[in-house]
N, C-alpha and C. Protein backbone atom coordinates (compact mmCIF):
# COMPACT_ATOMS: atom_id res chain seq x y z
N MET A 1 -27.57 169.29 48.97
CA MET A 1 -28.02 170.32 49.63
C MET A 1 -28.94 170.44 50.52
N SER A 2 -29.65 170.87 51.59
CA SER A 2 -31.34 170.53 51.59
C SER A 2 -31.71 172.03 51.32
N PRO A 3 -33.32 171.52 50.78
CA PRO A 3 -33.90 172.71 50.56
C PRO A 3 -34.59 173.40 51.75
N GLY A 4 -34.36 173.24 52.90
CA GLY A 4 -34.75 173.86 53.57
C GLY A 4 -36.20 174.01 53.93
N PRO A 5 -36.59 174.63 54.67
CA PRO A 5 -38.38 174.98 54.87
C PRO A 5 -39.33 174.69 53.70
N PHE A 6 -38.52 175.12 53.11
CA PHE A 6 -39.61 175.03 51.44
C PHE A 6 -39.34 174.17 50.54
N ALA A 7 -40.60 173.19 50.65
CA ALA A 7 -40.46 172.16 49.93
C ALA A 7 -40.87 172.04 48.45
N GLU A 8 -41.36 173.54 47.72
CA GLU A 8 -41.66 173.75 46.65
C GLU A 8 -40.31 173.84 45.78
N PRO A 9 -40.03 173.21 44.91
CA PRO A 9 -39.06 174.30 43.65
C PRO A 9 -39.32 175.54 43.54
N TYR A 10 -38.10 176.18 42.81
CA TYR A 10 -38.04 177.41 42.36
C TYR A 10 -38.32 176.98 40.98
N GLU A 11 -39.16 178.15 40.85
CA GLU A 11 -39.77 177.66 38.72
C GLU A 11 -38.75 178.67 38.40
N VAL A 12 -38.00 177.90 37.28
CA VAL A 12 -36.97 179.01 36.37
C VAL A 12 -37.41 178.70 35.22
N THR A 13 -37.61 179.90 34.73
CA THR A 13 -38.20 179.94 32.82
C THR A 13 -37.12 180.52 32.38
N LEU A 14 -36.49 180.17 31.35
CA LEU A 14 -35.40 180.47 30.47
C LEU A 14 -36.01 180.37 28.76
N VAL A 15 -35.88 181.84 28.24
CA VAL A 15 -36.57 181.69 27.29
C VAL A 15 -35.10 181.64 26.47
N HIS A 16 -35.12 181.25 25.54
CA HIS A 16 -33.89 180.26 24.67
C HIS A 16 -34.14 180.79 23.26
N SER A 17 -33.00 181.36 22.68
CA SER A 17 -33.14 181.90 21.38
C SER A 17 -32.28 180.80 20.40
N PRO A 18 -32.78 180.63 19.10
CA PRO A 18 -31.78 179.69 18.22
C PRO A 18 -30.17 180.62 18.15
N ALA A 19 -29.29 179.42 18.05
CA ALA A 19 -27.71 180.13 17.83
C ALA A 19 -27.48 181.26 18.97
N CYS A 20 -27.82 180.85 19.91
CA CYS A 20 -27.78 181.60 20.97
C CYS A 20 -26.75 181.27 21.91
N HIS A 21 -25.65 181.50 22.05
CA HIS A 21 -24.46 180.78 22.68
C HIS A 21 -24.83 181.43 24.67
N PHE A 22 -25.27 182.64 24.53
CA PHE A 22 -25.42 182.72 26.37
C PHE A 22 -26.78 181.92 26.63
N CYS A 23 -27.64 181.81 25.76
CA CYS A 23 -28.75 180.68 26.09
C CYS A 23 -28.50 179.35 26.15
N ASP A 24 -27.73 178.97 25.47
CA ASP A 24 -27.07 177.61 25.80
C ASP A 24 -25.95 177.62 27.07
N GLU A 25 -25.47 178.42 27.60
CA GLU A 25 -24.70 178.39 28.60
C GLU A 25 -25.50 178.59 29.81
N ALA A 26 -26.41 179.98 29.55
CA ALA A 26 -27.54 179.59 31.03
C ALA A 26 -28.41 178.23 31.14
N GLN A 27 -28.67 177.39 29.82
CA GLN A 27 -29.58 176.20 29.86
C GLN A 27 -28.50 175.33 31.03
N GLU A 28 -27.36 175.49 30.71
CA GLU A 28 -26.34 173.94 31.02
C GLU A 28 -26.00 174.42 32.75
N SER A 29 -25.72 175.99 32.87
CA SER A 29 -25.70 176.07 34.12
C SER A 29 -26.82 175.70 35.08
N LEU A 30 -28.16 175.93 34.50
CA LEU A 30 -29.06 175.89 35.50
C LEU A 30 -29.27 174.81 35.30
N ARG A 31 -29.53 173.41 34.58
CA ARG A 31 -29.21 172.19 34.80
C ARG A 31 -27.74 171.47 35.91
N GLU A 32 -27.24 172.32 35.81
CA GLU A 32 -26.22 172.06 37.08
C GLU A 32 -26.86 172.18 38.40
N LEU A 33 -27.42 173.68 38.50
CA LEU A 33 -27.88 174.24 39.71
C LEU A 33 -29.15 173.05 40.06
N ALA A 34 -29.73 173.01 39.22
CA ALA A 34 -30.71 171.84 39.60
C ALA A 34 -30.33 170.72 39.80
N ARG A 35 -29.02 169.89 39.98
CA ARG A 35 -28.25 169.01 40.70
C ARG A 35 -28.53 169.13 42.46
N ASP A 36 -28.24 170.64 42.76
CA ASP A 36 -28.06 170.40 44.11
C ASP A 36 -28.85 171.32 44.93
N HIS A 37 -30.14 171.99 44.30
CA HIS A 37 -31.30 172.75 44.71
C HIS A 37 -32.67 172.20 43.82
N PRO A 38 -33.80 172.76 44.87
CA PRO A 38 -35.20 172.64 44.64
C PRO A 38 -35.17 173.28 43.21
N VAL A 39 -34.83 173.09 41.61
CA VAL A 39 -35.25 174.06 40.62
C VAL A 39 -35.79 172.89 39.76
N HIS A 40 -37.09 173.60 39.23
CA HIS A 40 -38.06 173.18 38.38
C HIS A 40 -37.62 173.95 36.74
N LEU A 41 -37.05 173.97 35.86
CA LEU A 41 -36.62 174.37 34.67
C LEU A 41 -37.56 174.76 33.78
N THR A 42 -37.92 175.27 32.91
CA THR A 42 -39.07 175.04 32.00
C THR A 42 -38.23 176.10 30.94
N VAL A 43 -37.83 175.81 29.78
CA VAL A 43 -37.09 176.15 28.88
C VAL A 43 -38.05 176.46 27.64
N VAL A 44 -38.29 178.02 27.11
CA VAL A 44 -39.40 178.58 26.35
C VAL A 44 -38.91 178.67 25.27
N SER A 45 -38.97 178.44 23.95
CA SER A 45 -38.45 179.09 22.83
C SER A 45 -39.02 180.15 22.73
N ILE A 46 -38.02 181.53 22.15
CA ILE A 46 -38.66 182.61 21.87
C ILE A 46 -39.30 182.90 20.91
N ASP A 47 -39.69 181.97 19.84
CA ASP A 47 -40.44 181.99 18.69
C ASP A 47 -41.61 181.46 19.12
N SER A 48 -41.91 181.14 20.08
CA SER A 48 -43.38 180.61 20.40
C SER A 48 -44.19 181.44 20.94
N PRO A 49 -45.48 181.08 20.68
CA PRO A 49 -46.24 182.45 21.68
C PRO A 49 -45.99 182.54 23.10
N ALA A 50 -45.68 181.83 23.76
CA ALA A 50 -45.61 181.98 25.24
C ALA A 50 -44.19 182.86 25.22
N GLY A 51 -43.08 182.34 24.57
CA GLY A 51 -41.92 182.94 24.55
C GLY A 51 -41.87 184.84 24.35
N ARG A 52 -42.78 184.92 23.14
CA ARG A 52 -43.28 186.05 22.72
C ARG A 52 -43.65 186.97 23.60
N ALA A 53 -44.51 186.40 24.46
CA ALA A 53 -45.45 187.13 25.57
C ALA A 53 -44.51 187.50 26.56
N LEU A 54 -43.77 186.64 26.91
CA LEU A 54 -42.65 186.81 28.21
C LEU A 54 -41.40 188.23 27.45
N VAL A 55 -41.14 187.82 26.29
CA VAL A 55 -40.26 189.23 25.87
C VAL A 55 -40.90 190.31 26.29
N ALA A 56 -42.33 190.37 25.29
CA ALA A 56 -43.12 191.75 25.65
C ALA A 56 -43.36 192.16 26.99
N ALA A 57 -43.45 191.06 27.76
CA ALA A 57 -43.85 192.06 29.28
C ALA A 57 -42.16 192.07 30.23
N HIS A 58 -41.41 191.51 29.65
CA HIS A 58 -40.27 191.77 30.78
C HIS A 58 -39.21 192.79 29.49
N ARG A 59 -39.18 193.09 28.52
CA ARG A 59 -38.53 193.61 27.54
C ARG A 59 -37.07 193.46 28.15
N PRO A 60 -36.49 192.29 27.74
CA PRO A 60 -34.78 191.99 28.22
C PRO A 60 -33.88 192.94 27.28
N ALA A 61 -32.84 193.23 27.57
CA ALA A 61 -31.73 193.96 26.60
C ALA A 61 -31.36 192.67 25.70
N MET A 62 -31.06 191.89 26.38
CA MET A 62 -30.22 190.58 25.41
C MET A 62 -31.14 189.37 25.92
N ASN A 63 -30.57 188.34 24.95
CA ASN A 63 -31.47 186.76 25.26
C ASN A 63 -30.13 186.42 26.03
N PRO A 64 -30.66 185.28 26.81
CA PRO A 64 -31.46 185.02 27.14
C PRO A 64 -32.59 185.54 28.48
N LEU A 65 -33.22 185.35 28.66
CA LEU A 65 -34.54 186.13 29.55
C LEU A 65 -34.70 184.92 30.58
N VAL A 66 -34.19 184.96 31.80
CA VAL A 66 -34.42 184.23 33.11
C VAL A 66 -35.31 184.61 33.76
N LEU A 67 -36.13 184.02 34.26
CA LEU A 67 -37.42 184.19 35.56
C LEU A 67 -37.47 183.13 36.67
N VAL A 68 -37.19 183.66 37.81
CA VAL A 68 -37.37 182.97 39.06
C VAL A 68 -38.69 183.15 39.79
N ASP A 69 -39.47 181.97 39.43
CA ASP A 69 -40.65 182.41 40.56
C ASP A 69 -41.58 183.67 39.56
N GLY A 70 -41.42 183.15 38.53
CA GLY A 70 -42.22 184.81 37.42
C GLY A 70 -42.15 185.89 37.87
N THR A 71 -40.50 185.64 38.37
CA THR A 71 -40.01 187.24 38.48
C THR A 71 -38.89 187.38 37.56
N PHE A 72 -38.56 188.60 36.93
CA PHE A 72 -37.50 188.97 36.04
C PHE A 72 -36.15 188.35 37.43
N PHE A 73 -35.48 188.20 36.10
CA PHE A 73 -34.15 187.53 37.31
C PHE A 73 -32.85 188.17 36.48
N SER A 74 -32.60 188.00 35.13
CA SER A 74 -31.66 188.40 34.27
C SER A 74 -31.65 187.87 32.91
N SER A 75 -31.14 189.05 32.11
CA SER A 75 -30.95 188.91 30.58
C SER A 75 -29.58 188.96 30.31
N GLY A 76 -29.26 188.31 28.96
CA GLY A 76 -28.01 188.77 28.52
C GLY A 76 -26.79 187.57 29.12
N ARG A 77 -25.81 187.48 29.62
CA ARG A 77 -24.67 186.47 30.08
C ARG A 77 -25.41 186.24 31.57
N PHE A 78 -25.84 184.61 31.20
CA PHE A 78 -26.20 184.53 32.97
C PHE A 78 -25.39 184.55 34.31
N PRO A 79 -25.39 185.13 35.13
CA PRO A 79 -24.70 185.04 36.34
C PRO A 79 -24.73 184.10 36.75
N ARG A 80 -23.09 183.32 36.88
CA ARG A 80 -23.15 182.12 36.95
C ARG A 80 -23.92 181.38 38.02
N LYS A 81 -23.47 180.03 38.63
CA LYS A 81 -24.08 179.88 39.41
C LYS A 81 -23.71 180.06 40.91
N LYS A 82 -22.61 180.82 41.36
CA LYS A 82 -22.06 181.01 42.35
C LYS A 82 -23.37 182.25 43.02
N PHE A 83 -23.44 183.36 41.87
CA PHE A 83 -24.24 184.37 42.23
C PHE A 83 -25.87 183.81 42.32
N LEU A 84 -26.29 182.89 41.42
CA LEU A 84 -27.74 182.05 41.61
C LEU A 84 -27.75 181.61 42.87
N ARG A 85 -26.42 180.76 43.16
CA ARG A 85 -26.97 179.77 44.34
C ARG A 85 -27.01 180.76 45.56
N MET A 86 -26.18 181.65 45.49
CA MET A 86 -26.38 183.09 46.77
C MET A 86 -27.84 183.30 46.77
N VAL A 87 -28.16 183.78 45.59
CA VAL A 87 -29.76 184.17 45.70
C VAL A 87 -31.03 183.23 46.12
N LEU A 88 -30.46 181.94 45.63
CA LEU A 88 -31.17 180.82 45.87
C LEU A 88 -31.14 180.35 46.96
N GLY A 89 -30.09 180.56 48.11
CA GLY A 89 -29.82 180.34 49.34
C GLY A 89 -30.90 180.10 50.30
N GLY A 90 -31.63 180.98 49.93
CA GLY A 90 -33.39 180.56 51.00
C GLY A 90 -34.50 182.09 50.29
N ARG A 91 -35.79 181.48 50.25
CA ARG A 91 -36.57 182.54 50.07
C ARG A 91 -36.91 183.00 51.07
N VAL A 92 -37.74 184.52 50.59
CA VAL A 92 -37.77 185.28 51.59
C VAL A 92 -39.47 185.50 51.09
N PRO A 93 -40.11 184.82 52.36
CA PRO A 93 -41.49 185.33 52.56
C PRO A 93 -42.17 186.46 51.49
N ALA A 94 -42.96 186.36 50.67
CA ALA A 94 -43.44 187.27 49.93
C ALA A 94 -43.96 188.35 51.23
N THR A 95 -44.01 189.51 50.57
CA THR A 95 -44.54 190.86 51.09
C THR A 95 -45.32 191.64 49.93
N THR A 96 -46.21 192.63 50.57
CA THR A 96 -46.86 193.50 49.77
C THR A 96 -45.77 194.79 49.87
N SER A 97 -45.00 195.08 49.87
CA SER A 97 -43.98 195.98 49.90
C SER A 97 -43.24 195.96 48.57
N GLY A 98 -42.56 197.15 48.12
CA GLY A 98 -42.21 196.68 46.77
C GLY A 98 -40.53 196.39 47.30
N ARG A 99 -39.69 196.17 46.45
CA ARG A 99 -38.20 195.78 46.08
C ARG A 99 -37.79 197.03 47.17
């Protein structure tokens, strides 16, 4: 699939917790997604200083915490490939207005 007009990959951060099956499933789904889309996946341990800072900043209800381009995307059971592919189907240029 073509990345479209944006050459830069999506920066996806997964905050992973030990013994978390939702975290493992999210990581596998994101790796599969990266085969078809320009995605750069960074996995951060929840026990690391960076992981603790991200959890403090975003306060996810469940693990894992997933950020896309630095913005909260999901927590808990990862919305499977179909949903994420829909979201990643194309970037909308950043605006100064809220959501």
